[in-house]
């Protein structure tokens, strides 16, 4: 069905659906940006507390953290 054949109610429903989809997309972007910011801040805290992590391989860092935090 093309837009020419839609009734006023159908057009309004389609517009509402698109507005909802756009709002959901904005929310996903906002959540992703908040997560990215949090991860950056956590990494900065980790580096400030333990500067050695800057020179560690990611797998080594993961292993070391899992050993130290296992009992938490």
Protein backbone atom coordinates (compact mmCIF):
# COMPACT_ATOMS: atom_id res chain seq x y z
CA UNK A 1 0.00 0.00 0.00
CA UNK A 2 1.42 3.41 -0.90
CA UNK A 3 1.11 6.59 1.14
CA UNK A 4 -1.44 7.95 -1.37
CA UNK A 5 -3.87 5.16 -0.49
CA UNK A 6 -3.62 5.60 3.29
CA UNK A 7 -6.47 7.09 5.28
CA UNK A 8 -5.87 9.89 7.75
CA UNK A 9 -6.00 7.43 10.67
CA UNK A 10 -3.56 5.08 8.97
CA UNK A 11 -1.17 7.96 8.30
CA UNK A 12 -1.39 9.06 11.92
CA UNK A 13 -0.73 5.50 13.09
CA UNK A 14 2.26 5.18 10.76
CA UNK A 15 3.65 8.52 11.97
CA UNK A 16 3.22 7.46 15.60
CA UNK A 17 5.02 4.20 14.86
CA UNK A 18 7.92 6.06 13.24
CA UNK A 19 8.12 8.53 16.14
CA UNK A 20 8.28 5.61 18.57
CA UNK A 21 11.01 3.90 16.54
CA UNK A 22 13.00 7.16 16.40
CA UNK A 23 12.65 7.63 20.17
CA UNK A 24 13.81 4.05 20.80
CA UNK A 25 16.81 4.59 18.51
CA UNK A 26 17.71 7.78 20.41
CA UNK A 27 17.47 5.87 23.70
CA UNK A 28 19.79 3.14 22.40
CA UNK A 29 22.35 5.73 21.31
CA UNK A 30 22.08 7.49 24.67
CA UNK A 31 22.57 4.20 26.57
CA UNK A 32 25.54 3.24 24.39
CA UNK A 33 27.20 6.63 24.94
CA UNK A 34 26.63 6.38 28.71
CA UNK A 35 28.20 2.91 28.75
CA UNK A 36 31.19 4.11 26.72
CA UNK A 37 31.70 7.03 29.10
CA UNK A 38 31.47 4.74 32.13
CA UNK A 39 33.99 2.29 30.66
CA UNK A 40 36.42 5.11 29.88
CA UNK A 41 36.11 6.49 33.40
CA UNK A 42 36.60 3.05 34.96
CA UNK A 43 39.69 2.48 32.82
CA UNK A 44 41.09 5.85 33.87
CA UNK A 45 40.53 5.01 37.52
CA UNK A 46 42.23 1.65 37.07
CA UNK A 47 45.23 3.28 35.38
CA UNK A 48 45.52 5.93 38.11
CA UNK A 49 45.48 3.31 40.88
CA UNK A 50 47.72 0.78 39.11
CA UNK A 51 49.84 2.48 36.42
CA UNK A 52 51.39 -0.90 35.47
CA UNK A 53 48.17 -1.81 33.65
CA UNK A 54 49.11 0.61 30.84
CA UNK A 55 51.88 -1.73 29.77
CA UNK A 56 49.98 -4.99 30.30
CA UNK A 57 48.45 -7.10 27.56
CA UNK A 58 44.65 -7.17 27.82
CA UNK A 59 44.56 -10.91 28.46
CA UNK A 60 47.17 -10.55 31.22
CA UNK A 61 45.17 -7.72 32.76
CA UNK A 62 41.99 -9.79 32.66
CA UNK A 63 43.75 -12.74 34.25
CA UNK A 64 45.35 -10.61 36.97
CA UNK A 65 42.06 -8.90 37.81
CA UNK A 66 40.18 -12.20 37.92
CA UNK A 67 42.75 -13.61 40.36
CA UNK A 68 42.65 -10.57 42.61
CA UNK A 69 38.88 -10.10 42.53
CA UNK A 70 37.86 -13.76 42.68
CA UNK A 71 36.89 -13.71 46.36
CA UNK A 72 34.88 -10.47 46.23
